[in-house]
Amino acid sequence: MTNGTNISLENIPFMIDETPFNFFSPDVQQENLRFLEGLRPAYFGYLSRTHGAVLADDSASPADRQFAATALRNAHAQALETFFALIGAALQAPEAPVAYMLKYRDEIGKVVDKISTGGDLKTRWPLATLNWQQVAELILLSHSDITEEQRAMNVQGFADLWRRLAHDFRDESRSLEHNSIKHGLRLRMGGMSLQIGIPESPGEEPAKMISLGKSEFGSSYYVANPVNGSKHNFHLRDRSVAWEPHQMAWELEFLQTSIENVIAFLKYQSGAREDELQLNCASDVRAFTPPEKPRGASLRFTSNTTIIIDQNALWTKESILTSYDSEPIEESGS
């Protein structure tokens, strides 16, 4: 195919979940390789080591420890999205990952769900069953310098890891929390503790409380809860989540490795030689064992206060706009 200036163009049709696209390029292989060469997953390993060092520093201030944990949380969420988007490209558009990465939006969540549940996903590969085991076997195909025993161990290790990470990626609370970090840094940093008790009489403080755990690190953030299904009316709910930053740092290192392996797979599909690829495999199955979570690291709490508002009290779009026609707010001190 040629365009108006007689440049020969290739066209690559592809899907992102169920959304169809067609990509035109004068040299798709070269554009793919240039794009993939520019990806630097070592950035996530750098963040893991840099902020992990603050957490390991006994002289670090409490504020700096919270900042480091929050930075790890943000980097972890970004690494998850990067990895799963590249997995989507490897399955659905291995001949045009640059196009896939430019066009994906929320569809990646559906792609991940279909892999986790064996759903119907259009891919370029004759996979017997869609699951994380099959995906890991596909990605590690380009590793020819390891034994079959090592390959089987790494396939199982990465598949189990990716399955756990997929669960984290699709966790609604983590998604809302990540939005609270990246959009206006509108969360409150800090750990939490959770206790329960039964008061002897309504309105009294319980005489005895039972601790369900506590964590030094975590966040609290508001969620906008619609009133009566309205688009323009809402109230707030408070959510709190505990973190284990040392595990996040460990997972960031493995996410770097995982992303590097997917990039190597995609480069191979675009014509790169095997000796040009950066391939990463573990030599010991214990490498896939995550650090133990301390008690309290999985705590969560959401306020469930019921607010009843009469339908007639809700504001419409027009009434909200009209409110700006009233007297302006006076400046402070005037």
Protein backbone atom coordinates (compact mmCIF):
# COMPACT_ATOMS: atom_id res chain seq x y z
CA MET A 1 0.00 0.00 0.00
CA THR A 2 1.22 3.54 -0.75
CA ASN A 3 0.18 6.98 0.47
CA GLY A 4 -0.03 10.25 -1.46
CA THR A 5 3.77 10.61 -1.61
CA ASN A 6 4.29 7.03 -2.90
CA ILE A 7 5.78 5.76 0.37
CA SER A 8 5.03 2.08 0.80
CA LEU A 9 2.98 1.43 3.94
CA GLU A 10 2.28 -1.71 5.91
CA ASN A 11 -1.00 -2.08 7.74
CA ILE A 12 -1.39 -4.12 10.91
CA PRO A 13 -4.93 -4.88 12.15
CA PHE A 14 -5.13 -5.74 15.85
CA MET A 15 -7.45 -5.88 18.83
CA ILE A 16 -7.24 -4.46 22.33
CA ASP A 17 -9.59 -6.78 24.17
CA GLU A 18 -12.62 -6.44 21.85
CA THR A 19 -11.79 -3.02 20.35
CA PRO A 20 -10.46 -3.19 16.75
CA PHE A 21 -7.70 -0.96 15.34
CA ASN A 22 -5.66 -0.78 12.15
CA PHE A 23 -2.11 0.62 12.24
CA PHE A 24 -0.26 2.01 9.17
CA SER A 25 3.53 2.23 9.17
CA PRO A 26 6.32 2.68 6.59
CA ASP A 27 8.48 0.22 8.61
CA VAL A 28 6.61 -1.42 11.49
CA GLN A 29 9.51 -3.66 12.46
CA GLN A 30 11.88 -0.72 12.85
CA GLU A 31 9.31 1.35 14.73
CA ASN A 32 8.66 -1.58 17.08
CA LEU A 33 12.35 -2.07 17.82
CA ARG A 34 12.97 1.64 18.34
CA PHE A 35 10.05 1.80 20.75
CA LEU A 36 11.05 -1.33 22.68
CA GLU A 37 14.69 -0.18 22.93
CA GLY A 38 13.45 3.00 24.60
CA LEU A 39 11.64 1.18 27.41
CA ARG A 40 13.73 1.17 30.62
CA PRO A 41 12.21 -1.23 33.17
CA ALA A 42 15.39 -0.83 35.27
CA TYR A 43 13.70 2.40 36.40
CA PHE A 44 11.45 0.30 38.65
CA GLY A 45 14.42 -1.53 40.15
CA TYR A 46 16.05 1.84 40.80
CA LEU A 47 12.96 3.08 42.66
CA SER A 48 12.84 -0.14 44.66
CA ARG A 49 16.46 0.18 45.79
CA THR A 50 16.36 3.95 46.35
CA HIS A 51 13.23 4.03 48.50
CA GLY A 52 13.96 0.66 50.09
CA ALA A 53 17.22 2.13 51.38
CA VAL A 54 15.27 4.87 53.20
CA LEU A 55 13.07 2.26 54.88
CA ALA A 56 16.19 0.35 55.97
CA ASP A 57 17.84 3.49 57.38
CA ASP A 58 17.29 3.67 61.13
CA SER A 59 18.16 7.38 61.08
CA ALA A 60 15.45 8.25 58.53
CA SER A 61 12.71 10.49 59.88
CA PRO A 62 9.15 9.13 60.24
CA ALA A 63 8.03 11.51 57.48
CA ASP A 64 10.73 10.30 55.08
CA ARG A 65 9.76 6.69 55.80
CA GLN A 66 6.14 7.48 54.87
CA PHE A 67 7.26 9.32 51.71
CA ALA A 68 9.42 6.34 50.69
CA ALA A 69 6.57 3.89 51.26
CA THR A 70 4.18 6.06 49.25
CA ALA A 71 6.69 6.36 46.41
CA LEU A 72 7.02 2.56 46.37
CA ARG A 73 3.24 2.20 46.31
CA ASN A 74 2.97 4.56 43.34
CA ALA A 75 5.84 2.89 41.46
CA HIS A 76 4.34 -0.55 42.12
CA ALA A 77 1.00 0.47 40.58
CA GLN A 78 2.75 1.99 37.54
CA ALA A 79 4.90 -1.14 37.08
CA LEU A 80 1.81 -3.36 37.25
CA GLU A 81 0.09 -1.39 34.49
CA THR A 82 3.24 -1.37 32.33
CA PHE A 83 3.71 -5.12 32.68
CA PHE A 84 0.11 -6.11 31.97
CA ALA A 85 -0.15 -3.72 29.01
CA LEU A 86 2.95 -5.35 27.49
CA ILE A 87 1.44 -8.80 28.15
CA GLY A 88 -1.66 -7.66 26.27
CA ALA A 89 0.54 -6.52 23.37
CA ALA A 90 2.42 -9.84 23.36
CA LEU A 91 -0.84 -11.78 23.11
CA GLN A 92 -2.94 -9.57 20.84
CA ALA A 93 -0.50 -7.51 18.76
CA PRO A 94 3.02 -9.02 18.82
CA GLU A 95 3.56 -7.60 15.33
CA ALA A 96 2.76 -4.04 16.51
CA PRO A 97 3.41 -3.53 20.25
CA VAL A 98 4.14 0.18 19.70
CA ALA A 99 0.61 0.67 18.38
CA TYR A 100 -0.97 -1.39 21.16
CA MET A 101 0.84 0.54 23.88
CA LEU A 102 -0.25 3.87 22.41
CA LYS A 103 -3.93 2.97 22.15
CA TYR A 104 -4.78 0.89 25.23
CA ARG A 105 -6.89 2.43 27.96
CA ASP A 106 -9.12 0.66 30.51
CA GLU A 107 -9.36 -2.43 28.27
CA ILE A 108 -6.22 -3.86 29.86
CA GLY A 109 -8.18 -4.71 32.99
CA LYS A 110 -10.55 -6.84 30.91
CA VAL A 111 -7.61 -8.53 29.17
CA VAL A 112 -6.12 -9.43 32.57
CA ASP A 113 -9.47 -10.73 33.82
CA LYS A 114 -9.83 -13.00 30.79
CA ILE A 115 -6.36 -14.46 31.29
CA SER A 116 -7.09 -15.08 34.97
CA THR A 117 -10.46 -16.75 34.31
CA GLY A 118 -9.77 -18.47 30.99
CA GLY A 119 -12.10 -16.10 29.16
CA ASP A 120 -12.49 -15.60 25.42
CA LEU A 121 -9.67 -13.31 24.27
CA LYS A 122 -8.59 -12.94 20.65
CA THR A 123 -4.84 -13.61 20.46
CA ARG A 124 -2.32 -14.29 17.68
CA TRP A 125 -1.24 -17.56 19.32
CA PRO A 126 -2.73 -21.08 19.24
CA LEU A 127 -2.97 -21.37 23.02
CA ALA A 128 -4.69 -24.55 24.18
CA THR A 129 -6.04 -22.77 27.25
CA LEU A 130 -5.79 -19.12 28.22
CA ASN A 131 -4.20 -18.89 31.66
CA TRP A 132 -1.06 -17.50 33.29
CA GLN A 133 0.76 -20.82 32.90
CA GLN A 134 0.30 -20.71 29.12
CA VAL A 135 1.30 -17.04 29.02
CA ALA A 136 4.52 -17.72 30.96
CA GLU A 137 5.39 -20.64 28.64
CA LEU A 138 4.89 -18.37 25.62
CA ILE A 139 7.00 -15.49 26.99
CA LEU A 140 9.87 -17.78 27.99
CA LEU A 141 10.01 -19.52 24.59
CA SER A 142 12.91 -17.30 23.48
CA HIS A 143 15.10 -18.55 26.36
CA SER A 144 17.12 -21.24 24.57
CA ASP A 145 20.15 -21.15 26.90
CA ILE A 146 18.44 -22.81 29.88
CA THR A 147 17.63 -26.46 30.55
CA GLU A 148 14.10 -27.82 30.33
CA GLU A 149 14.13 -28.26 34.11
CA GLN A 150 15.07 -24.59 34.59
CA ARG A 151 12.44 -23.54 32.06
CA ALA A 152 9.71 -25.51 33.84
CA MET A 153 10.73 -24.00 37.21
CA ASN A 154 10.71 -20.45 35.83
CA VAL A 155 7.43 -20.93 33.96
CA GLN A 156 5.77 -22.10 37.19
CA GLY A 157 7.41 -19.37 39.28
CA PHE A 158 6.53 -16.52 36.94
CA ALA A 159 3.01 -17.88 36.33
CA ASP A 160 2.27 -17.99 40.07
CA LEU A 161 3.74 -14.51 40.55
CA TRP A 162 1.81 -13.01 37.64
CA ARG A 163 -1.41 -14.62 38.88
CA ARG A 164 -0.98 -12.93 42.28
CA LEU A 165 -0.06 -9.61 40.67
CA ALA A 166 -3.12 -9.81 38.40
CA HIS A 167 -5.30 -10.06 41.51
CA ASP A 168 -3.62 -6.95 42.94
CA PHE A 169 -3.94 -5.09 39.63
CA ARG A 170 -7.71 -5.69 39.50
CA ASP A 171 -8.29 -4.74 43.14
CA GLU A 172 -10.69 -1.78 43.08
CA SER A 173 -9.32 -0.35 46.34
CA ARG A 174 -5.78 -0.27 44.95
CA SER A 175 -7.01 1.42 41.79
CA LEU A 176 -8.88 4.10 43.74
CA GLU A 177 -5.88 4.58 46.00
CA HIS A 178 -3.48 4.94 43.05
CA ASN A 179 -5.77 7.59 41.54
CA SER A 180 -5.61 9.40 44.88
CA ILE A 181 -1.81 9.41 44.67
CA LYS A 182 -1.35 10.46 41.06
CA HIS A 183 -4.28 12.89 40.83
CA GLY A 184 -3.54 15.68 43.29
CA LEU A 185 -1.82 13.55 45.96
CA ARG A 186 -5.15 13.61 47.75
CA LEU A 187 -4.53 10.78 50.23
CA ARG A 188 -3.39 10.85 53.84
CA MET A 189 -0.16 8.90 54.35
CA GLY A 190 0.30 6.77 57.43
CA GLY A 191 -0.44 3.40 58.96
CA MET A 192 -3.54 2.17 60.70
CA SER A 193 -4.69 -0.04 63.53
CA LEU A 194 -8.01 -1.83 63.80
CA GLN A 195 -9.75 -2.82 67.03
CA ILE A 196 -13.20 -4.14 67.78
CA GLY A 197 -15.24 -4.21 70.96
CA ILE A 198 -18.83 -4.54 72.17
CA PRO A 199 -20.22 -1.70 74.33
CA GLU A 200 -22.35 -2.64 77.32
CA SER A 201 -24.87 0.05 76.36
CA PRO A 202 -25.53 1.91 73.07
CA GLY A 203 -23.37 5.01 72.76
CA GLU A 204 -20.81 3.91 75.35
CA GLU A 205 -17.17 3.10 74.68
CA PRO A 206 -16.46 -0.65 74.86
CA ALA A 207 -14.71 -1.59 78.10
CA LYS A 208 -12.50 -4.08 76.26
CA MET A 209 -11.06 -3.86 72.76
CA ILE A 210 -9.53 -6.67 70.71
CA SER A 211 -6.75 -5.72 68.28
CA LEU A 212 -7.05 -7.06 64.74
CA GLY A 213 -3.60 -5.74 63.84
CA LYS A 214 -1.74 -2.58 62.99
CA SER A 215 0.67 -1.34 60.36
CA GLU A 216 3.18 1.52 60.30
CA PHE A 217 2.46 2.16 56.62
CA GLY A 218 -0.69 2.73 54.63
CA SER A 219 -3.09 5.37 53.44
CA SER A 220 -6.53 6.82 53.98
CA TYR A 221 -8.44 8.46 51.17
CA TYR A 222 -11.91 9.65 50.27
CA VAL A 223 -14.15 8.02 47.68
CA ALA A 224 -17.02 9.92 46.04
CA ASN A 225 -20.19 7.88 46.63
CA PRO A 226 -23.14 8.78 44.35
CA VAL A 227 -26.42 9.75 46.00
CA ASN A 228 -29.43 7.81 44.66
CA GLY A 229 -27.46 6.98 41.49
CA SER A 230 -27.11 10.67 40.61
CA LYS A 231 -24.29 11.85 38.34
CA HIS A 232 -24.01 15.28 40.01
CA ASN A 233 -24.73 14.53 43.69
CA PHE A 234 -22.45 12.58 45.99
CA HIS A 235 -21.13 12.24 49.52
CA LEU A 236 -17.82 10.96 50.87
CA ARG A 237 -16.72 7.59 52.13
CA ASP A 238 -13.43 7.11 53.92
CA ARG A 239 -11.21 4.13 53.07
CA SER A 240 -8.05 3.02 54.84
CA VAL A 241 -5.55 0.44 53.57
CA ALA A 242 -2.41 -0.95 55.22
CA TRP A 243 0.80 -1.54 53.22
CA GLU A 244 3.86 -3.73 53.43
CA PRO A 245 6.49 -1.64 51.58
CA HIS A 246 9.23 -4.28 51.84
CA GLN A 247 7.08 -6.70 49.84
CA MET A 248 6.33 -3.95 47.32
CA ALA A 249 10.06 -3.37 46.89
CA TRP A 250 10.59 -7.11 46.34
CA GLU A 251 7.76 -7.24 43.78
CA LEU A 252 9.14 -4.18 41.97
CA GLU A 253 12.40 -6.03 41.37
CA PHE A 254 10.48 -8.99 39.94
CA LEU A 255 8.28 -6.68 37.87
CA GLN A 256 11.44 -5.23 36.33
CA THR A 257 12.57 -8.77 35.46
CA SER A 258 9.13 -9.69 34.11
CA ILE A 259 8.91 -6.58 31.94
CA GLU A 260 12.41 -7.23 30.58
CA ASN A 261 11.37 -10.75 29.59
CA VAL A 262 8.24 -9.54 27.78
CA ILE A 263 10.28 -6.87 25.97
CA ALA A 264 12.78 -9.56 24.92
CA PHE A 265 9.91 -11.68 23.59
CA LEU A 266 8.49 -8.75 21.62
CA LYS A 267 11.91 -7.80 20.23
CA TYR A 268 12.36 -11.38 19.06
CA GLN A 269 9.01 -11.17 17.24
CA SER A 270 10.23 -7.98 15.52
CA GLY A 271 13.41 -9.60 14.20
CA ALA A 272 16.00 -9.00 16.94
CA ARG A 273 18.69 -11.65 17.25
CA GLU A 274 18.66 -13.84 20.34
CA ASP A 275 22.14 -12.65 21.37
CA GLU A 276 20.76 -9.09 21.49
CA LEU A 277 18.03 -9.95 23.99
CA GLN A 278 18.12 -9.36 27.75
CA LEU A 279 16.69 -12.53 29.27
CA ASN A 280 16.21 -13.15 32.99
CA CYS A 281 15.57 -16.46 34.69
CA ALA A 282 15.90 -17.54 38.32
CA SER A 283 18.39 -20.29 39.15
CA ASP A 284 16.62 -21.29 42.38
CA VAL A 285 12.91 -21.77 42.99
CA ARG A 286 13.28 -19.97 46.35
CA ALA A 287 13.80 -16.72 44.43
CA PHE A 288 10.03 -16.67 43.78
CA THR A 289 9.14 -16.82 47.49
CA PRO A 290 7.93 -13.37 48.63
CA PRO A 291 8.94 -11.96 52.02
CA GLU A 292 6.57 -12.81 54.83
CA LYS A 293 3.92 -10.21 55.54
CA PRO A 294 3.75 -8.98 59.14
CA ARG A 295 0.43 -9.19 60.95
CA GLY A 296 -1.68 -6.16 60.06
CA ALA A 297 -0.22 -5.65 56.57
CA SER A 298 -3.51 -6.69 54.95
CA LEU A 299 -5.84 -4.51 57.02
CA ARG A 300 -8.58 -2.55 55.25
CA PHE A 301 -11.46 -0.43 56.41
CA THR A 302 -14.27 1.41 54.61
CA SER A 303 -16.76 3.66 56.37
CA ASN A 304 -20.29 2.50 55.62
CA THR A 305 -22.34 5.35 57.06
CA THR A 306 -25.74 5.37 55.36
CA ILE A 307 -26.86 8.81 54.19
CA ILE A 308 -30.48 9.16 53.10
CA ILE A 309 -31.28 12.22 50.99
CA ASP A 310 -34.70 12.99 49.60
CA GLN A 311 -34.83 12.87 45.80
CA ASN A 312 -36.29 16.39 45.74
CA ALA A 313 -33.20 17.71 47.55
CA LEU A 314 -30.83 16.67 44.76
CA TRP A 315 -29.33 19.36 42.56
CA THR A 316 -29.61 19.21 38.78
CA LYS A 317 -26.95 20.35 36.33
CA GLU A 318 -29.01 23.47 35.63
CA SER A 319 -29.43 24.40 39.29
CA ILE A 320 -25.68 24.00 39.88
CA LEU A 321 -24.93 26.30 36.93
CA THR A 322 -27.47 28.83 38.21
CA SER A 323 -25.67 28.99 41.57
CA TYR A 324 -22.81 30.80 39.81
CA ASP A 325 -25.19 33.64 38.89
CA SER A 326 -25.54 34.64 42.55
CA GLU A 327 -23.41 37.16 44.39
CA PRO A 328 -19.66 36.29 44.17
CA ILE A 329 -17.82 35.20 47.30
CA GLU A 330 -16.16 38.14 49.02
CA GLU A 331 -12.38 38.07 49.37
CA SER A 332 -11.05 37.21 52.81
CA GLY A 333 -10.32 40.28 54.88
CA SER A 334 -12.43 42.62 52.74
